C-alpha atoms as a PDB file:
ATOM      1  CA  MET A   1     155.070 186.514 258.087  1.00  0.00           C
ATOM      2  CA  THR A   2     155.925 184.701 261.314  1.00  0.00           C
ATOM      3  CA  ASN A   3     153.377 184.042 264.016  1.00  0.00           C
ATOM      4  CA  SER A   4     155.095 186.437 266.395  1.00  0.00           C
ATOM      5  CA  MET A   5     154.558 189.348 264.050  1.00  0.00           C
ATOM      6  CA  LYS A   6     151.137 190.912 264.271  1.00  0.00           C
ATOM      7  CA  SER A   7     149.591 192.625 261.289  1.00  0.00           C
ATOM      8  CA  LYS A   8     149.658 196.408 261.506  1.00  0.00           C
ATOM      9  CA  VAL A   9     146.265 198.097 261.249  1.00  0.00           C
ATOM     10  CA  TYR A  10     145.685 201.798 260.647  1.00  0.00           C
ATOM     11  CA  LEU A  11     142.372 202.821 262.241  1.00  0.00           C
ATOM     12  CA  GLU A  12     140.636 205.508 260.207  1.00  0.00           C
ATOM     13  CA  THR A  13     138.376 207.878 262.179  1.00  0.00           C
ATOM     14  CA  THR A  14     135.062 206.157 261.335  1.00  0.00           C
ATOM     15  CA  ILE A  15     136.161 203.105 263.369  1.00  0.00           C
ATOM     16  CA  VAL A  16     136.478 204.965 266.654  1.00  0.00           C
ATOM     17  CA  SER A  17     133.327 206.947 265.801  1.00  0.00           C
ATOM     18  CA  TYR A  18     131.242 203.773 265.445  1.00  0.00           C
ATOM     19  CA  LEU A  19     132.981 202.190 268.438  1.00  0.00           C
ATOM     20  CA  THR A  20     132.035 204.976 270.839  1.00  0.00           C
ATOM     21  CA  ALA A  21     128.759 206.229 269.314  1.00  0.00           C
ATOM     22  CA  GLU A  22     125.477 206.273 271.208  1.00  0.00           C
ATOM     23  CA  PRO A  23     123.087 203.477 270.156  1.00  0.00           C
ATOM     24  CA  THR A  24     121.088 204.353 267.062  1.00  0.00           C
ATOM     25  CA  ARG A  25     117.811 203.220 265.480  1.00  0.00           C
ATOM     26  CA  ASP A  26     119.414 203.344 262.027  1.00  0.00           C
ATOM     27  CA  VAL A  27     119.703 199.667 261.099  1.00  0.00           C
ATOM     28  CA  VAL A  28     122.887 199.987 259.006  1.00  0.00           C
ATOM     29  CA  GLN A  29     124.661 202.196 261.554  1.00  0.00           C
ATOM     30  CA  ALA A  30     123.614 199.902 264.409  1.00  0.00           C
ATOM     31  CA  ALA A  31     125.061 196.933 262.524  1.00  0.00           C
ATOM     32  CA  HIS A  32     128.310 198.837 261.913  1.00  0.00           C
ATOM     33  CA  GLN A  33     128.474 199.713 265.620  1.00  0.00           C
ATOM     34  CA  GLN A  34     127.982 196.091 266.632  1.00  0.00           C
ATOM     35  CA  LEU A  35     130.541 194.752 264.134  1.00  0.00           C
ATOM     36  CA  THR A  36     133.021 197.421 265.223  1.00  0.00           C
ATOM     37  CA  ARG A  37     132.615 196.455 268.894  1.00  0.00           C
ATOM     38  CA  GLU A  38     133.050 192.756 268.069  1.00  0.00           C
ATOM     39  CA  TRP A  39     136.192 193.553 266.071  1.00  0.00           C
ATOM     40  CA  TRP A  40     137.485 195.811 268.861  1.00  0.00           C
ATOM     41  CA  ASP A  41     137.087 193.002 271.405  1.00  0.00           C
ATOM     42  CA  ARG A  42     139.509 190.938 269.300  1.00  0.00           C
ATOM     43  CA  ARG A  43     141.890 193.758 268.411  1.00  0.00           C
ATOM     44  CA  GLY A  44     144.734 192.161 270.399  1.00  0.00           C
ATOM     45  CA  ARG A  45     145.569 190.095 267.315  1.00  0.00           C
ATOM     46  CA  PHE A  46     146.792 193.288 265.635  1.00  0.00           C
ATOM     47  CA  ASP A  47     149.148 196.183 266.269  1.00  0.00           C
ATOM     48  CA  LEU A  48     146.964 199.273 265.982  1.00  0.00           C
ATOM     49  CA  PHE A  49     147.965 202.722 264.791  1.00  0.00           C
ATOM     50  CA  VAL A  50     146.258 206.052 264.205  1.00  0.00           C
ATOM     51  CA  SER A  51     147.609 209.384 263.006  1.00  0.00           C
ATOM     52  CA  GLN A  52     147.416 212.973 264.124  1.00  0.00           C
ATOM     53  CA  THR A  53     144.757 213.340 261.412  1.00  0.00           C
ATOM     54  CA  VAL A  54     142.573 210.728 263.162  1.00  0.00           C
ATOM     55  CA  ILE A  55     143.109 212.385 266.553  1.00  0.00           C
ATOM     56  CA  THR A  56     142.177 215.798 265.147  1.00  0.00           C
ATOM     57  CA  GLU A  57     139.013 214.439 263.506  1.00  0.00           C
ATOM     58  CA  ALA A  58     138.078 212.367 266.585  1.00  0.00           C
ATOM     59  CA  GLY A  59     138.455 215.456 268.768  1.00  0.00           C
ATOM     60  CA  GLY A  60     135.973 217.476 266.718  1.00  0.00           C
ATOM     61  CA  GLY A  61     132.212 217.852 267.049  1.00  0.00           C
ATOM     62  CA  ASN A  62     130.149 217.169 270.148  1.00  0.00           C
ATOM     63  CA  ALA A  63     132.428 217.517 273.190  1.00  0.00           C
ATOM     64  CA  GLU A  64     131.071 214.475 275.044  1.00  0.00           C
ATOM     65  CA  ALA A  65     131.334 212.229 271.970  1.00  0.00           C
ATOM     66  CA  ALA A  66     134.801 213.630 271.178  1.00  0.00           C
ATOM     67  CA  SER A  67     135.961 212.830 274.692  1.00  0.00           C
ATOM     68  CA  ARG A  68     134.757 209.193 274.328  1.00  0.00           C
ATOM     69  CA  ARG A  69     136.527 208.875 270.953  1.00  0.00           C
ATOM     70  CA  LEU A  70     139.802 210.325 272.254  1.00  0.00           C
ATOM     71  CA  ALA A  71     139.682 208.086 275.344  1.00  0.00           C
ATOM     72  CA  ALA A  72     139.385 205.005 273.083  1.00  0.00           C
ATOM     73  CA  LEU A  73     142.456 206.148 271.131  1.00  0.00           C
ATOM     74  CA  GLU A  74     144.572 206.996 274.184  1.00  0.00           C
ATOM     75  CA  ASP A  75     146.961 204.036 274.130  1.00  0.00           C
ATOM     76  CA  ILE A  76     147.249 203.700 270.359  1.00  0.00           C
ATOM     77  CA  PRO A  77     150.501 204.937 268.785  1.00  0.00           C
ATOM     78  CA  SER A  78     150.061 207.921 266.486  1.00  0.00           C
ATOM     79  CA  LEU A  79     151.890 208.126 263.149  1.00  0.00           C
ATOM     80  CA  ALA A  80     153.244 211.459 261.997  1.00  0.00           C
ATOM     81  CA  VAL A  81     151.835 213.272 258.986  1.00  0.00           C
ATOM     82  CA  THR A  82     155.027 213.510 256.923  1.00  0.00           C
ATOM     83  CA  ALA A  83     155.828 215.347 253.695  1.00  0.00           C
ATOM     84  CA  GLU A  84     156.093 211.923 252.056  1.00  0.00           C
ATOM     85  CA  ALA A  85     152.528 211.080 253.128  1.00  0.00           C
ATOM     86  CA  ALA A  86     151.247 214.481 251.990  1.00  0.00           C
ATOM     87  CA  ASP A  87     152.918 213.953 248.594  1.00  0.00           C
ATOM     88  CA  LEU A  88     151.338 210.516 248.200  1.00  0.00           C
ATOM     89  CA  ALA A  89     147.909 211.881 249.207  1.00  0.00           C
ATOM     90  CA  ALA A  90     148.276 214.529 246.497  1.00  0.00           C
ATOM     91  CA  ARG A  91     149.186 211.785 244.009  1.00  0.00           C
ATOM     92  CA  PHE A  92     145.962 209.917 244.881  1.00  0.00           C
ATOM     93  CA  VAL A  93     143.963 213.040 244.029  1.00  0.00           C
ATOM     94  CA  ARG A  94     145.952 213.732 240.832  1.00  0.00           C
ATOM     95  CA  ALA A  95     145.519 210.100 239.727  1.00  0.00           C
ATOM     96  CA  GLN A  96     141.769 210.485 240.407  1.00  0.00           C
ATOM     97  CA  ALA A  97     141.948 207.565 242.811  1.00  0.00           C
ATOM     98  CA  MET A  98     140.160 209.884 245.252  1.00  0.00           C
ATOM     99  CA  PRO A  99     138.339 213.182 244.666  1.00  0.00           C
ATOM    100  CA  GLU A 100     139.767 216.478 245.858  1.00  0.00           C
ATOM    101  CA  LYS A 101     136.940 216.808 248.398  1.00  0.00           C
ATOM    102  CA  ALA A 102     138.269 213.581 249.961  1.00  0.00           C
ATOM    103  CA  ALA A 103     141.771 215.024 250.539  1.00  0.00           C
ATOM    104  CA  ILE A 104     141.666 214.042 254.231  1.00  0.00           C
ATOM    105  CA  ASP A 105     140.684 210.487 253.289  1.00  0.00           C
ATOM    106  CA  ALA A 106     143.579 210.413 250.812  1.00  0.00           C
ATOM    107  CA  LEU A 107     145.860 211.528 253.643  1.00  0.00           C
ATOM    108  CA  HIS A 108     144.635 208.702 255.910  1.00  0.00           C
ATOM    109  CA  VAL A 109     145.476 206.119 253.247  1.00  0.00           C
ATOM    110  CA  ALA A 110     148.807 207.782 252.419  1.00  0.00           C
ATOM    111  CA  ILE A 111     149.918 207.849 256.080  1.00  0.00           C
ATOM    112  CA  ALA A 112     149.092 204.138 256.348  1.00  0.00           C
ATOM    113  CA  VAL A 113     150.960 203.387 253.105  1.00  0.00           C
ATOM    114  CA  VAL A 114     154.207 205.228 253.904  1.00  0.00           C
ATOM    115  CA  ASN A 115     154.257 203.636 257.363  1.00  0.00           C
ATOM    116  CA  GLY A 116     153.952 200.114 255.950  1.00  0.00           C
ATOM    117  CA  MET A 117     150.576 199.245 257.427  1.00  0.00           C
ATOM    118  CA  ASP A 118     149.108 195.880 256.426  1.00  0.00           C
ATOM    119  CA  TYR A 119     145.508 197.143 256.658  1.00  0.00           C
ATOM    120  CA  VAL A 120     143.508 200.359 256.633  1.00  0.00           C
ATOM    121  CA  LEU A 121     140.366 199.742 258.667  1.00  0.00           C
ATOM    122  CA  THR A 122     137.450 202.035 257.845  1.00  0.00           C
ATOM    123  CA  TRP A 123     133.692 202.340 257.456  1.00  0.00           C
ATOM    124  CA  ASN A 124     134.185 205.064 254.825  1.00  0.00           C
ATOM    125  CA  CYS A 125     132.956 203.075 251.857  1.00  0.00           C
ATOM    126  CA  THR A 126     132.522 206.152 249.662  1.00  0.00           C
ATOM    127  CA  HIS A 127     136.135 207.276 249.335  1.00  0.00           C
ATOM    128  CA  ILE A 128     138.281 204.610 251.003  1.00  0.00           C
ATOM    129  CA  ALA A 129     136.912 201.036 251.178  1.00  0.00           C
ATOM    130  CA  ASN A 130     135.377 201.174 247.732  1.00  0.00           C
ATOM    131  CA  ALA A 131     135.992 198.439 245.190  1.00  0.00           C
ATOM    132  CA  ALA A 132     135.638 200.919 242.317  1.00  0.00           C
ATOM    133  CA  ILE A 133     138.626 202.999 243.472  1.00  0.00           C
ATOM    134  CA  ARG A 134     140.753 200.369 245.239  1.00  0.00           C
ATOM    135  CA  ASP A 135     142.602 199.490 241.999  1.00  0.00           C
ATOM    136  CA  LYS A 136     143.521 203.131 241.371  1.00  0.00           C
ATOM    137  CA  ILE A 137     144.766 203.500 244.951  1.00  0.00           C
ATOM    138  CA  GLU A 138     146.855 200.319 244.669  1.00  0.00           C
ATOM    139  CA  ARG A 139     148.275 201.301 241.261  1.00  0.00           C
ATOM    140  CA  THR A 140     149.184 204.779 242.530  1.00  0.00           C
ATOM    141  CA  CYS A 141     150.929 203.246 245.562  1.00  0.00           C
ATOM    142  CA  ARG A 142     152.975 200.884 243.401  1.00  0.00           C
ATOM    143  CA  GLU A 143     153.891 203.657 240.936  1.00  0.00           C
ATOM    144  CA  ALA A 144     155.179 205.651 243.914  1.00  0.00           C
ATOM    145  CA  GLY A 145     157.239 202.642 245.059  1.00  0.00           C
ATOM    146  CA  PHE A 146     154.995 201.473 247.914  1.00  0.00           C
ATOM    147  CA  GLU A 147     153.182 198.236 248.638  1.00  0.00           C
ATOM    148  CA  PRO A 148     149.515 199.130 249.214  1.00  0.00           C
ATOM    149  CA  PRO A 149     147.761 198.000 252.392  1.00  0.00           C
ATOM    150  CA  ILE A 150     144.521 196.027 252.294  1.00  0.00           C
ATOM    151  CA  ILE A 151     141.674 198.495 252.721  1.00  0.00           C
ATOM    152  CA  CYS A 152     138.697 196.926 254.479  1.00  0.00           C
ATOM    153  CA  THR A 153     135.890 197.195 257.001  1.00  0.00           C
ATOM    154  CA  PRO A 154     135.869 195.489 260.429  1.00  0.00           C
ATOM    155  CA  GLU A 155     133.449 192.941 258.966  1.00  0.00           C
ATOM    156  CA  GLU A 156     136.076 191.952 256.373  1.00  0.00           C
ATOM    157  CA  LEU A 157     138.846 191.717 258.979  1.00  0.00           C
ATOM    158  CA  MET A 158     137.028 189.235 261.257  1.00  0.00           C
ATOM    159  CA  GLU A 159     138.333 185.703 261.636  1.00  0.00           C
END
C-alpha cells in the first residue's frame, strides 16, 4: 500500500451513535463516546464509507438524535446494498458466524467486504467486533472469494 492510498473504513451505525450522543453517566458508554470523538478528529487519515443500511438505522429513533447522526454522515459516501452483499450476509448466518437475529449486522459486514473495505469500525462487540466470531467471519469471506476487512473498535484503530 502506497502512502497516497488511504485505508478504506466502513463506519457501522454504533460509531455515529456514540459520536453524536448526549453525554452519559454510564462509565463505559462515556469512554466509548470520548474514544469515538478522538478517532473522529483524526478521521482524515482514512477514506470513510457508510451504507444505506447505516443511514436507515441512523435516521431511526429520537428525531433530534437522528438528525444529529444524519448530519454527521452527510458528506460520507454511501455504498449500495447489492444482491452480492445480501448473499454474503446470508452466508454469514448459515455458517453461524453471526446469529439470525443479527442479520442487519451481517449485512453491514457483507457490504464492507464486497466493497473491499480495509476496516469495519464498530462498537458492536456482541455480533461484529467479537474475537469469538471473527474467525468464522473471515473464513466465510475467504470461502466466498473475498478478503475480509479488519473488524475493530475506534480504540483499536488509533495510532
